[in-house]
N, C-alpha and C. Protein backbone atom coordinates (compact mmCIF):
# COMPACT_ATOMS: atom_id res chain seq x y z
N UNK A 1 90.08 65.09 130.20
CA UNK A 1 89.10 64.98 129.31
C UNK A 1 88.65 66.29 128.92
N UNK A 2 88.98 67.13 129.39
CA UNK A 2 88.57 68.80 129.31
C UNK A 2 89.30 69.09 128.58
N UNK A 3 90.96 68.51 128.58
CA UNK A 3 92.14 68.85 127.39
C UNK A 3 92.08 68.25 126.44
N UNK A 4 91.55 67.30 126.24
CA UNK A 4 91.31 66.41 124.86
C UNK A 4 90.51 67.23 124.16
N UNK A 5 89.14 67.62 124.63
CA UNK A 5 88.20 68.57 124.04
C UNK A 5 88.78 69.65 123.06
N UNK A 6 89.39 70.36 123.76
CA UNK A 6 90.17 71.71 123.70
C UNK A 6 91.34 71.06 122.73
N UNK A 7 92.10 70.27 122.37
CA UNK A 7 92.64 69.80 121.65
C UNK A 7 92.21 69.53 120.45
N UNK A 8 91.20 69.02 120.47
CA UNK A 8 90.22 68.07 119.43
C UNK A 8 89.29 69.50 118.88
N UNK A 9 89.06 70.61 119.52
CA UNK A 9 88.56 71.76 119.14
C UNK A 9 89.58 72.00 117.82
N UNK A 10 90.97 72.61 118.57
CA UNK A 10 91.35 73.17 118.11
C UNK A 10 92.39 72.56 116.93
N UNK A 11 92.34 70.95 116.78
CA UNK A 11 92.70 70.72 115.65
C UNK A 11 91.76 71.00 114.47
N UNK A 12 89.99 70.68 114.74
CA UNK A 12 89.41 71.51 113.51
C UNK A 12 89.57 72.13 113.36
N UNK A 13 89.69 73.54 114.07
CA UNK A 13 89.87 74.76 113.90
C UNK A 13 90.97 74.91 112.43
N UNK A 14 92.04 74.73 113.28
CA UNK A 14 93.01 74.71 112.59
C UNK A 14 92.81 73.76 110.81
N UNK A 15 92.16 72.48 110.55
CA UNK A 15 92.03 71.96 109.35
C UNK A 15 91.34 73.00 108.96
N UNK A 16 90.06 73.65 109.38
CA UNK A 16 88.93 74.44 108.71
C UNK A 16 90.05 75.17 108.23
N UNK A 17 90.96 76.47 108.80
CA UNK A 17 91.66 76.81 108.40
C UNK A 17 92.36 76.81 107.27
N UNK A 18 92.73 75.54 106.89
CA UNK A 18 93.99 75.42 105.91
C UNK A 18 93.10 75.47 104.30
N UNK A 19 91.73 75.55 104.36
CA UNK A 19 91.54 75.93 102.96
C UNK A 19 91.23 77.19 102.82
N UNK A 20 91.71 78.33 103.75
CA UNK A 20 90.82 79.57 103.41
C UNK A 20 91.96 80.31 102.64
N UNK A 21 91.46 81.26 101.71
CA UNK A 21 92.17 81.81 100.66
C UNK A 21 91.07 82.78 100.36
N UNK A 22 92.29 84.24 99.90
CA UNK A 22 91.62 85.41 99.63
C UNK A 22 91.41 85.33 97.88
N UNK A 23 90.06 85.48 97.39
CA UNK A 23 89.96 85.45 96.42
C UNK A 23 89.46 87.00 95.85
N UNK A 24 90.46 87.26 94.61
CA UNK A 24 90.20 88.93 93.87
C UNK A 24 89.60 88.22 92.62
N UNK A 25 89.19 89.38 91.86
CA UNK A 25 88.74 89.24 90.66
C UNK A 25 89.90 89.82 89.67
N UNK A 26 91.17 89.96 90.25
CA UNK A 26 92.69 90.68 89.70
C UNK A 26 93.15 89.74 88.97
N UNK A 27 93.89 89.49 88.23
CA UNK A 27 94.45 87.95 87.77
C UNK A 27 95.83 88.51 87.99
N UNK A 28 96.63 87.86 87.96
CA UNK A 28 98.03 88.43 88.38
C UNK A 28 98.64 89.06 87.53
N UNK A 29 98.51 88.48 86.21
CA UNK A 29 98.85 89.49 84.63
C UNK A 29 98.07 90.69 85.00
N UNK A 30 97.09 90.93 85.54
CA UNK A 30 96.19 92.39 85.62
C UNK A 30 97.15 92.95 86.92
N UNK A 31 97.43 92.33 87.77
CA UNK A 31 97.87 93.48 89.00
C UNK A 31 99.30 93.20 88.63
N UNK A 32 100.12 92.83 87.71
CA UNK A 32 101.30 93.32 87.53
C UNK A 32 101.19 94.85 86.90
N UNK A 33 100.16 94.90 85.76
CA UNK A 33 99.59 95.99 85.00
C UNK A 33 99.57 97.13 86.08
N UNK A 34 99.14 96.99 87.10
CA UNK A 34 99.03 97.95 88.11
C UNK A 34 99.94 98.44 88.60
N UNK A 35 100.87 97.62 88.77
CA UNK A 35 102.07 98.48 89.08
C UNK A 35 102.89 99.37 88.31
N UNK A 36 102.06 99.40 87.20
CA UNK A 36 102.57 100.61 85.85
C UNK A 36 101.52 101.70 86.28
N UNK A 37 100.95 101.69 87.58
CA UNK A 37 99.90 103.04 87.39
C UNK A 37 100.60 103.63 88.67
N UNK A 38 100.81 104.72 88.32
CA UNK A 38 101.66 105.28 89.58
C UNK A 38 101.24 106.72 90.32
N UNK A 39 100.77 106.94 91.21
CA UNK A 39 99.99 107.80 91.95
C UNK A 39 100.61 109.22 92.10
N UNK A 40 100.05 110.45 91.99
CA UNK A 40 100.60 111.70 91.94
C UNK A 40 99.45 112.56 92.25
N UNK A 41 100.12 113.44 93.38
CA UNK A 41 99.41 114.37 93.91
C UNK A 41 99.06 115.66 92.57
N UNK A 42 97.85 116.40 93.19
CA UNK A 42 97.55 117.65 92.12
C UNK A 42 98.66 118.01 91.53
N UNK A 43 99.61 118.67 92.10
CA UNK A 43 100.96 119.77 91.96
C UNK A 43 101.81 118.70 91.17
N UNK A 44 101.87 117.53 91.44
CA UNK A 44 103.21 116.70 90.51
C UNK A 44 102.42 116.39 88.54
N UNK A 45 101.05 115.81 89.15
CA UNK A 45 100.53 116.07 87.77
C UNK A 45 100.29 117.11 87.02
N UNK A 46 100.06 118.20 87.44
CA UNK A 46 100.32 119.77 86.70
C UNK A 46 101.84 119.38 85.72
N UNK A 47 102.48 119.05 86.33
CA UNK A 47 104.05 119.19 85.80
C UNK A 47 104.11 118.50 84.21
N UNK A 48 103.46 117.38 84.10
CA UNK A 48 103.50 116.57 82.97
C UNK A 48 102.40 117.34 81.93
N UNK A 49 102.89 116.72 81.10
CA UNK A 49 101.28 116.46 79.96
C UNK A 49 100.42 115.52 79.93
N UNK A 50 99.62 115.69 80.63
CA UNK A 50 98.53 114.41 81.15
C UNK A 50 97.13 114.78 80.63
N UNK A 51 96.61 113.62 80.24
CA UNK A 51 95.29 113.83 80.11
C UNK A 51 94.06 112.89 80.70
N UNK A 52 93.00 113.65 81.11
CA UNK A 52 92.28 113.06 82.09
C UNK A 52 91.82 112.05 81.77
N UNK A 53 91.24 110.83 81.78
CA UNK A 53 90.85 109.68 81.23
C UNK A 53 88.87 109.50 81.94
N UNK A 54 88.83 110.09 83.36
CA UNK A 54 87.89 110.05 84.11
C UNK A 54 87.92 109.90 85.73
N UNK A 55 87.00 109.69 86.02
CA UNK A 55 86.91 109.31 87.69
C UNK A 55 86.66 108.28 87.67
N UNK A 56 87.78 107.48 88.89
CA UNK A 56 87.33 106.29 89.23
C UNK A 56 86.94 106.41 90.93
N UNK A 57 86.19 105.40 91.00
CA UNK A 57 85.68 105.03 92.90
C UNK A 57 85.85 103.45 92.78
N UNK A 58 85.93 103.25 94.32
CA UNK A 58 85.94 101.98 94.63
C UNK A 58 85.76 102.58 96.51
N UNK A 59 84.91 101.13 96.96
CA UNK A 59 84.62 100.97 98.42
C UNK A 59 84.91 99.67 98.61
N UNK A 60 84.62 100.09 99.89
CA UNK A 60 84.54 98.44 100.69
C UNK A 60 84.06 98.18 102.09
N UNK A 61 83.09 97.24 102.36
CA UNK A 61 82.43 97.30 103.27
C UNK A 61 82.58 95.97 104.23
N UNK A 62 82.97 96.45 105.69
CA UNK A 62 83.17 95.26 106.14
C UNK A 62 82.07 94.82 107.15
N UNK A 63 81.15 93.86 106.75
CA UNK A 63 80.14 93.24 107.94
C UNK A 63 80.43 91.91 108.71
N UNK A 64 81.36 91.29 108.52
CA UNK A 64 81.81 90.81 109.35
C UNK A 64 83.37 90.74 109.88
N UNK A 65 83.61 90.61 111.29
CA UNK A 65 84.92 90.68 111.74
C UNK A 65 85.91 89.54 111.03
N UNK A 66 85.26 88.65 110.28
CA UNK A 66 86.52 88.12 109.38
C UNK A 66 86.75 88.34 108.23
N UNK A 67 86.04 89.50 107.87
CA UNK A 67 86.61 89.72 106.59
C UNK A 67 88.07 90.90 106.59
N UNK A 68 88.75 91.32 105.93
CA UNK A 68 89.50 92.39 106.02
C UNK A 68 89.38 93.65 106.30
N UNK A 69 89.98 94.12 107.06
CA UNK A 69 89.42 95.83 106.98
C UNK A 69 89.63 96.56 105.72
N UNK A 70 89.06 97.38 105.57
CA UNK A 70 89.39 98.12 104.49
C UNK A 70 90.12 99.38 105.20
N UNK A 71 91.04 99.33 104.10
CA UNK A 71 92.54 100.36 104.41
C UNK A 71 92.57 100.55 102.66
N UNK A 72 93.17 102.11 102.82
CA UNK A 72 93.71 103.23 101.92
C UNK A 72 94.40 102.07 100.79
N UNK A 73 95.49 101.63 101.63
CA UNK A 73 96.04 100.91 100.61
C UNK A 73 95.09 99.68 99.34
N UNK A 74 94.67 98.90 100.20
CA UNK A 74 93.66 98.21 99.50
C UNK A 74 92.95 99.03 98.51
N UNK A 75 92.42 100.07 98.84
CA UNK A 75 91.35 100.74 97.68
C UNK A 75 92.27 101.32 96.84
N UNK A 76 93.21 101.70 97.54
CA UNK A 76 93.91 102.69 96.16
C UNK A 76 94.86 101.74 95.02
N UNK A 77 95.10 100.07 95.62
CA UNK A 77 95.08 99.32 94.62
C UNK A 77 94.03 99.33 93.52
N UNK A 78 92.98 98.79 94.13
CA UNK A 78 91.80 98.88 93.38
C UNK A 78 91.75 99.63 92.30
N UNK A 79 91.78 101.24 92.54
CA UNK A 79 91.85 102.44 91.84
C UNK A 79 92.70 102.16 90.75
N UNK A 80 93.83 101.77 90.97
CA UNK A 80 95.06 101.95 90.18
C UNK A 80 94.43 100.61 88.94
N UNK A 81 93.93 99.95 89.64
CA UNK A 81 93.43 98.74 88.50
C UNK A 81 92.34 99.33 87.40
N UNK A 82 91.41 100.02 88.12
CA UNK A 82 90.24 100.28 87.46
C UNK A 82 90.92 101.23 86.70
N UNK A 83 91.82 102.29 86.83
CA UNK A 83 92.54 103.31 85.73
C UNK A 83 93.00 102.44 84.83
N UNK A 84 93.85 101.70 84.91
CA UNK A 84 94.36 100.71 84.11
C UNK A 84 93.33 100.14 83.02
N UNK A 85 92.19 100.11 83.17
CA UNK A 85 91.01 99.39 82.70
C UNK A 85 90.88 100.74 81.30
N UNK A 86 91.06 101.72 81.83
CA UNK A 86 90.73 102.82 80.88
C UNK A 86 92.20 103.39 80.25
N UNK A 87 93.16 102.77 80.66
CA UNK A 87 94.48 102.92 79.39
C UNK A 87 95.17 103.84 80.27
N UNK A 88 95.19 103.93 81.43
CA UNK A 88 95.60 105.28 82.46
C UNK A 88 96.93 104.64 82.71
N UNK A 89 98.18 105.08 83.10
CA UNK A 89 99.51 105.00 83.75
C UNK A 89 99.71 105.49 84.76
N UNK A 90 98.39 106.65 85.15
CA UNK A 90 98.97 106.97 86.71
C UNK A 90 97.34 107.62 86.86
N UNK A 91 97.17 107.95 88.61
CA UNK A 91 95.89 108.60 89.59
C UNK A 91 96.15 110.16 90.09
N UNK A 92 95.46 110.68 90.66
CA UNK A 92 95.53 111.55 91.47
C UNK A 92 94.47 111.14 92.48
N UNK A 93 94.53 110.94 93.72
CA UNK A 93 93.44 110.64 94.85
C UNK A 93 93.07 111.63 94.94
N UNK A 94 91.57 111.63 95.46
CA UNK A 94 91.14 113.23 95.64
C UNK A 94 90.43 113.29 96.86
N UNK A 95 89.69 111.94 97.39
CA UNK A 95 89.49 111.57 98.73
C UNK A 95 89.26 110.20 98.86
N UNK A 96 89.48 109.93 100.65
CA UNK A 96 89.31 108.70 101.08
C UNK A 96 88.30 108.89 102.43
N UNK A 97 86.97 108.34 101.97
CA UNK A 97 86.13 108.93 103.38
C UNK A 97 85.44 107.76 104.14
N UNK A 98 85.86 107.65 105.05
CA UNK A 98 85.08 106.67 106.15
C UNK A 98 83.89 106.94 107.04
N UNK A 99 83.25 106.74 106.07
CA UNK A 99 81.98 107.07 106.84
C UNK A 99 80.72 105.55 107.00
N UNK A 100 80.23 105.35 108.03
CA UNK A 100 79.38 104.64 107.97
C UNK A 100 77.77 104.47 107.11
N UNK A 101 77.53 103.48 106.53
CA UNK A 101 76.50 103.83 105.67
C UNK A 101 75.45 103.20 106.04
N UNK A 102 75.32 101.96 106.60
CA UNK A 102 74.20 101.72 107.60
C UNK A 102 74.89 100.81 108.66
N UNK A 103 73.48 99.74 109.48
CA UNK A 103 74.00 99.36 110.73
C UNK A 103 74.49 98.08 109.97
N UNK A 104 74.43 97.33 108.45
CA UNK A 104 74.86 96.36 108.17
C UNK A 104 76.27 96.40 108.36
N UNK A 105 77.13 97.31 107.95
CA UNK A 105 78.12 97.76 107.35
C UNK A 105 79.23 98.38 108.60
N UNK A 106 79.94 97.47 109.39
CA UNK A 106 80.40 97.83 110.87
C UNK A 106 81.46 99.33 110.30
N UNK A 107 82.22 98.57 109.26
CA UNK A 107 83.20 99.64 108.73
C UNK A 107 83.14 99.37 107.55
N UNK A 108 83.59 101.38 107.00
CA UNK A 108 83.43 101.27 105.53
C UNK A 108 84.23 102.47 105.15
N UNK A 109 84.29 101.90 103.72
CA UNK A 109 86.00 103.29 103.25
C UNK A 109 85.68 103.53 101.73
N UNK A 110 85.52 104.60 101.45
CA UNK A 110 85.47 105.05 100.13
C UNK A 110 86.20 105.86 99.77
N UNK A 111 87.10 105.33 98.06
CA UNK A 111 87.80 106.29 97.58
C UNK A 111 87.95 106.86 96.04
N UNK A 112 88.00 108.12 95.58
CA UNK A 112 87.55 108.63 94.44
C UNK A 112 89.37 109.12 94.04
N UNK A 113 89.39 109.05 92.87
CA UNK A 113 90.60 109.17 91.97
C UNK A 113 90.21 109.82 90.85
N UNK A 114 91.24 110.75 90.07
CA UNK A 114 91.53 110.82 89.00
C UNK A 114 91.96 110.05 88.16
N UNK A 115 91.64 109.51 87.00
CA UNK A 115 92.70 108.57 86.46
C UNK A 115 93.16 109.76 85.02
N UNK A 116 94.55 109.47 84.79
CA UNK A 116 95.21 110.06 83.50
C UNK A 116 96.19 109.44 82.93
N UNK A 117 96.24 109.75 81.41
CA UNK A 117 97.53 109.13 81.06
C UNK A 117 98.27 109.91 80.70
N UNK A 118 99.84 110.05 81.22
CA UNK A 118 100.74 110.83 81.56
C UNK A 118 101.79 110.34 80.35
N UNK A 119 102.05 111.43 79.26
CA UNK A 119 103.10 111.14 78.13
C UNK A 119 104.25 111.23 78.69
N UNK A 120 105.13 110.74 78.89
CA UNK A 120 106.37 111.07 78.92
C UNK A 120 107.38 111.20 78.25
N UNK A 121 106.76 111.03 76.58
CA UNK A 121 107.55 111.35 75.67
C UNK A 121 107.56 113.18 75.44
N UNK A 122 106.92 113.22 76.12
CA UNK A 122 106.89 114.99 75.94
C UNK A 122 107.48 115.96 76.77
N UNK A 123 108.11 115.10 77.89
CA UNK A 123 108.95 116.10 78.65
C UNK A 123 109.98 116.43 78.20
């Protein structure tokens, strides 16, 4: 009887996970555009004719263990998306800091970058 209950519980769990999906506000077309946004260091960006378009910032707070962990790669992807919306084709990541902002946020990460429009024709 005990093993039947465990099997039944396992089947219910699997059925519940079958509808699991990750949603984002970035459409597939916009995600492709962000692949055209390159990441540069401060030294690299100074070698190009580049116009600064401003600062972009993003953060992620993990409140439940079922949520994805905040990672630099996730946040840098979001920075590229925000920079692309400004018309940028490059970013320089200034910092990524992981500090706890309150007790509701078990894991927190914030990244800031400068968005640039690099003129490759001026090379």
